[in-house]
Amino acid sequence: GLLLGAFGAAGLAAPIAAEVSELA
C-alpha cells in the first residue's frame, strides 16, 4: 500500500489520465 501510494505521489499515475484524453 505504501509503495503504490508512493508511485501515485510521484506522478506515475499521470500517464493513465493522459491516455484517456489523447486525441480528444
PDB file of all heavy atoms in Angstrom:
ATOM      1  N   GLY A   1       0.820  -1.213   0.000  1.00  0.00           N
ATOM      2  CA  GLY A   1       0.000   0.000   0.000  1.00  0.00           C
ATOM      3  C   GLY A   1       0.847   1.252   0.000  1.00  0.00           C
ATOM      4  O   GLY A   1       0.577   2.214  -0.715  1.00  0.00           O
ATOM      5  N   LEU A   2       1.905   1.271   0.816  1.00  0.00           N
ATOM      6  CA  LEU A   2       2.810   2.416   0.852  1.00  0.00           C
ATOM      7  C   LEU A   2       3.521   2.589  -0.480  1.00  0.00           C
ATOM      8  O   LEU A   2       3.692   3.702  -0.978  1.00  0.00           O
ATOM      9  CB  LEU A   2       3.830   2.252   1.987  1.00  0.00           C
ATOM     10  CG  LEU A   2       3.280   2.392   3.402  1.00  0.00           C
ATOM     11  CD1 LEU A   2       4.350   2.040   4.422  1.00  0.00           C
ATOM     12  CD2 LEU A   2       2.759   3.801   3.629  1.00  0.00           C
ATOM     13  N   LEU A   3       3.940   1.474  -1.086  1.00  0.00           N
ATOM     14  CA  LEU A   3       4.628   1.515  -2.362  1.00  0.00           C
ATOM     15  C   LEU A   3       3.719   2.068  -3.455  1.00  0.00           C
ATOM     16  O   LEU A   3       4.110   2.940  -4.231  1.00  0.00           O
ATOM     17  CB  LEU A   3       5.123   0.111  -2.735  1.00  0.00           C
ATOM     18  CG  LEU A   3       5.945  -0.010  -4.009  1.00  0.00           C
ATOM     19  CD1 LEU A   3       7.212   0.823  -3.895  1.00  0.00           C
ATOM     20  CD2 LEU A   3       6.287  -1.452  -4.275  1.00  0.00           C
ATOM     21  N   LEU A   4       2.484   1.588  -3.510  1.00  0.00           N
ATOM     22  CA  LEU A   4       1.533   2.091  -4.512  1.00  0.00           C
ATOM     23  C   LEU A   4       1.226   3.563  -4.281  1.00  0.00           C
ATOM     24  O   LEU A   4       1.108   4.331  -5.227  1.00  0.00           O
ATOM     25  CB  LEU A   4       0.250   1.263  -4.499  1.00  0.00           C
ATOM     26  CG  LEU A   4       0.393  -0.163  -5.019  1.00  0.00           C
ATOM     27  CD1 LEU A   4      -0.916  -0.918  -4.827  1.00  0.00           C
ATOM     28  CD2 LEU A   4       0.806  -0.187  -6.465  1.00  0.00           C
ATOM     29  N   GLY A   5       1.118   3.956  -3.018  1.00  0.00           N
ATOM     30  CA  GLY A   5       0.891   5.363  -2.692  1.00  0.00           C
ATOM     31  C   GLY A   5       2.054   6.225  -3.143  1.00  0.00           C
ATOM     32  O   GLY A   5       1.883   7.332  -3.641  1.00  0.00           O
ATOM     33  N   ALA A   6       3.272   5.728  -2.987  1.00  0.00           N
ATOM     34  CA  ALA A   6       4.454   6.471  -3.411  1.00  0.00           C
ATOM     35  C   ALA A   6       4.470   6.654  -4.923  1.00  0.00           C
ATOM     36  O   ALA A   6       4.837   7.715  -5.429  1.00  0.00           O
ATOM     37  CB  ALA A   6       5.720   5.750  -2.958  1.00  0.00           C
ATOM     38  N   PHE A   7       4.075   5.613  -5.666  1.00  0.00           N
ATOM     39  CA  PHE A   7       4.016   5.743  -7.122  1.00  0.00           C
ATOM     40  C   PHE A   7       3.022   6.825  -7.520  1.00  0.00           C
ATOM     41  O   PHE A   7       3.284   7.622  -8.395  1.00  0.00           O
ATOM     42  CB  PHE A   7       3.631   4.420  -7.788  1.00  0.00           C
ATOM     43  CG  PHE A   7       4.754   3.437  -7.896  1.00  0.00           C
ATOM     44  CD1 PHE A   7       4.582   2.130  -7.474  1.00  0.00           C
ATOM     45  CD2 PHE A   7       5.969   3.807  -8.423  1.00  0.00           C
ATOM     46  CE1 PHE A   7       5.608   1.220  -7.573  1.00  0.00           C
ATOM     47  CE2 PHE A   7       7.003   2.909  -8.531  1.00  0.00           C
ATOM     48  CZ  PHE A   7       6.825   1.599  -8.095  1.00  0.00           C
ATOM     49  N   GLY A   8       1.878   6.833  -6.891  1.00  0.00           N
ATOM     50  CA  GLY A   8       0.870   7.847  -7.193  1.00  0.00           C
ATOM     51  C   GLY A   8       1.360   9.240  -6.857  1.00  0.00           C
ATOM     52  O   GLY A   8       1.183  10.182  -7.607  1.00  0.00           O
ATOM     53  N   ALA A   9       2.034   9.388  -5.696  1.00  0.00           N
ATOM     54  CA  ALA A   9       2.554  10.680  -5.285  1.00  0.00           C
ATOM     55  C   ALA A   9       3.661  11.145  -6.218  1.00  0.00           C
ATOM     56  O   ALA A   9       3.857  12.335  -6.428  1.00  0.00           O
ATOM     57  CB  ALA A   9       3.070  10.604  -3.848  1.00  0.00           C
ATOM     58  N   ALA A  10       4.394  10.217  -6.790  1.00  0.00           N
ATOM     59  CA  ALA A  10       5.487  10.574  -7.702  1.00  0.00           C
ATOM     60  C   ALA A  10       4.968  10.963  -9.079  1.00  0.00           C
ATOM     61  O   ALA A  10       5.735  11.321  -9.952  1.00  0.00           O
ATOM     62  CB  ALA A  10       6.461   9.395  -7.821  1.00  0.00           C
ATOM     63  N   GLY A  11       3.672  10.855  -9.301  1.00  0.00           N
ATOM     64  CA  GLY A  11       3.101  11.237 -10.586  1.00  0.00           C
ATOM     65  C   GLY A  11       3.120  10.124 -11.613  1.00  0.00           C
ATOM     66  O   GLY A  11       2.880  10.362 -12.776  1.00  0.00           O
ATOM     67  N   LEU A  12       3.393   8.918 -11.208  1.00  0.00           N
ATOM     68  CA  LEU A  12       3.452   7.824 -12.160  1.00  0.00           C
ATOM     69  C   LEU A  12       2.068   7.399 -12.628  1.00  0.00           C
ATOM     70  O   LEU A  12       1.943   6.710 -13.618  1.00  0.00           O
ATOM     71  CB  LEU A  12       4.211   6.638 -11.562  1.00  0.00           C
ATOM     72  CG  LEU A  12       5.684   6.940 -11.275  1.00  0.00           C
ATOM     73  CD1 LEU A  12       6.341   5.732 -10.623  1.00  0.00           C
ATOM     74  CD2 LEU A  12       6.425   7.312 -12.538  1.00  0.00           C
ATOM     75  N   ALA A  13       1.038   7.847 -11.952  1.00  0.00           N
ATOM     76  CA  ALA A  13      -0.316   7.530 -12.398  1.00  0.00           C
ATOM     77  C   ALA A  13      -0.782   8.501 -13.478  1.00  0.00           C
ATOM     78  O   ALA A  13      -1.751   8.249 -14.153  1.00  0.00           O
ATOM     79  CB  ALA A  13      -1.284   7.572 -11.208  1.00  0.00           C
ATOM     80  N   ALA A  14      -0.085   9.603 -13.689  1.00  0.00           N
ATOM     81  CA  ALA A  14      -0.492  10.620 -14.653  1.00  0.00           C
ATOM     82  C   ALA A  14      -0.603  10.104 -16.085  1.00  0.00           C
ATOM     83  O   ALA A  14      -1.513  10.492 -16.794  1.00  0.00           O
ATOM     84  CB  ALA A  14       0.463  11.812 -14.578  1.00  0.00           C
ATOM     85  N   PRO A  15       0.302   9.238 -16.588  1.00  0.00           N
ATOM     86  CA  PRO A  15       0.160   8.787 -17.968  1.00  0.00           C
ATOM     87  C   PRO A  15      -1.169   8.093 -18.247  1.00  0.00           C
ATOM     88  O   PRO A  15      -1.669   8.163 -19.354  1.00  0.00           O
ATOM     89  CB  PRO A  15       1.336   7.818 -18.153  1.00  0.00           C
ATOM     90  CG  PRO A  15       2.355   8.293 -17.184  1.00  0.00           C
ATOM     91  CD  PRO A  15       1.546   8.780 -16.006  1.00  0.00           C
ATOM     92  N   ILE A  16      -1.743   7.464 -17.267  1.00  0.00           N
ATOM     93  CA  ILE A  16      -3.042   6.814 -17.465  1.00  0.00           C
ATOM     94  C   ILE A  16      -4.089   7.858 -17.797  1.00  0.00           C
ATOM     95  O   ILE A  16      -4.862   7.711 -18.727  1.00  0.00           O
ATOM     96  CB  ILE A  16      -3.435   5.989 -16.221  1.00  0.00           C
ATOM     97  CG1 ILE A  16      -2.455   4.826 -16.058  1.00  0.00           C
ATOM     98  CG2 ILE A  16      -4.868   5.500 -16.327  1.00  0.00           C
ATOM     99  CD1 ILE A  16      -2.594   4.080 -14.753  1.00  0.00           C
ATOM    100  N   ALA A  17      -4.098   8.966 -17.075  1.00  0.00           N
ATOM    101  CA  ALA A  17      -5.055  10.033 -17.338  1.00  0.00           C
ATOM    102  C   ALA A  17      -4.787  10.666 -18.698  1.00  0.00           C
ATOM    103  O   ALA A  17      -5.706  11.019 -19.414  1.00  0.00           O
ATOM    104  CB  ALA A  17      -4.984  11.080 -16.232  1.00  0.00           C
ATOM    105  N   ALA A  18      -3.527  10.799 -19.079  1.00  0.00           N
ATOM    106  CA  ALA A  18      -3.186  11.412 -20.362  1.00  0.00           C
ATOM    107  C   ALA A  18      -3.676  10.565 -21.534  1.00  0.00           C
ATOM    108  O   ALA A  18      -4.101  11.086 -22.547  1.00  0.00           O
ATOM    109  CB  ALA A  18      -1.678  11.621 -20.460  1.00  0.00           C
ATOM    110  N   GLU A  19      -3.629   9.247 -21.416  1.00  0.00           N
ATOM    111  CA  GLU A  19      -4.075   8.373 -22.496  1.00  0.00           C
ATOM    112  C   GLU A  19      -5.558   8.546 -22.773  1.00  0.00           C
ATOM    113  O   GLU A  19      -5.989   8.461 -23.896  1.00  0.00           O
ATOM    114  CB  GLU A  19      -3.772   6.915 -22.150  1.00  0.00           C
ATOM    115  CG  GLU A  19      -2.305   6.572 -22.275  1.00  0.00           C
ATOM    116  CD  GLU A  19      -2.045   5.123 -21.949  1.00  0.00           C
ATOM    117  OE1 GLU A  19      -2.909   4.277 -22.234  1.00  0.00           O
ATOM    118  OE2 GLU A  19      -0.984   4.845 -21.389  1.00  0.00           O
ATOM    119  N   VAL A  20      -6.332   8.780 -21.741  1.00  0.00           N
ATOM    120  CA  VAL A  20      -7.772   8.911 -21.909  1.00  0.00           C
ATOM    121  C   VAL A  20      -8.101  10.124 -22.776  1.00  0.00           C
ATOM    122  O   VAL A  20      -8.960  10.065 -23.631  1.00  0.00           O
ATOM    123  CB  VAL A  20      -8.463   9.014 -20.525  1.00  0.00           C
ATOM    124  CG1 VAL A  20      -9.928   9.353 -20.676  1.00  0.00           C
ATOM    125  CG2 VAL A  20      -8.284   7.728 -19.764  1.00  0.00           C
ATOM    126  N   SER A  21      -7.378  11.232 -22.593  1.00  0.00           N
ATOM    127  CA  SER A  21      -7.703  12.445 -23.320  1.00  0.00           C
ATOM    128  C   SER A  21      -6.906  12.600 -24.618  1.00  0.00           C
ATOM    129  O   SER A  21      -7.100  13.551 -25.339  1.00  0.00           O
ATOM    130  CB  SER A  21      -7.454  13.663 -22.424  1.00  0.00           C
ATOM    131  OG  SER A  21      -6.080  13.753 -22.104  1.00  0.00           O
ATOM    132  N   GLU A  22      -6.010  11.653 -24.918  1.00  0.00           N
ATOM    133  CA  GLU A  22      -5.209  11.772 -26.129  1.00  0.00           C
ATOM    134  C   GLU A  22      -6.105  11.775 -27.367  1.00  0.00           C
ATOM    135  O   GLU A  22      -6.997  10.954 -27.499  1.00  0.00           O
ATOM    136  CB  GLU A  22      -4.210  10.615 -26.200  1.00  0.00           C
ATOM    137  CG  GLU A  22      -3.192  10.785 -27.285  1.00  0.00           C
ATOM    138  CD  GLU A  22      -2.085   9.750 -27.182  1.00  0.00           C
ATOM    139  OE1 GLU A  22      -2.384   8.562 -27.337  1.00  0.00           O
ATOM    140  OE2 GLU A  22      -0.953  10.154 -26.937  1.00  0.00           O
ATOM    141  N   LEU A  23      -5.874  12.728 -28.239  1.00  0.00           N
ATOM    142  CA  LEU A  23      -6.643  12.909 -29.467  1.00  0.00           C
ATOM    143  C   LEU A  23      -8.130  13.139 -29.193  1.00  0.00           C
ATOM    144  O   LEU A  23      -8.991  12.783 -29.996  1.00  0.00           O
ATOM    145  CB  LEU A  23      -6.444  11.727 -30.416  1.00  0.00           C
ATOM    146  CG  LEU A  23      -4.996  11.463 -30.840  1.00  0.00           C
ATOM    147  CD1 LEU A  23      -4.917  10.202 -31.683  1.00  0.00           C
ATOM    148  CD2 LEU A  23      -4.408  12.650 -31.583  1.00  0.00           C
ATOM    149  N   ALA A  24      -8.431  13.772 -28.084  1.00  0.00           N
ATOM    150  CA  ALA A  24      -9.822  14.003 -27.681  1.00  0.00           C
ATOM    151  C   ALA A  24     -10.592  14.815 -28.722  1.00  0.00           C
ATOM    152  O   ALA A  24     -11.797  14.629 -28.890  1.00  0.00           O
ATOM    153  CB  ALA A  24      -9.876  14.690 -26.319  1.00  0.00           C
TER     154      ALA A  24
END
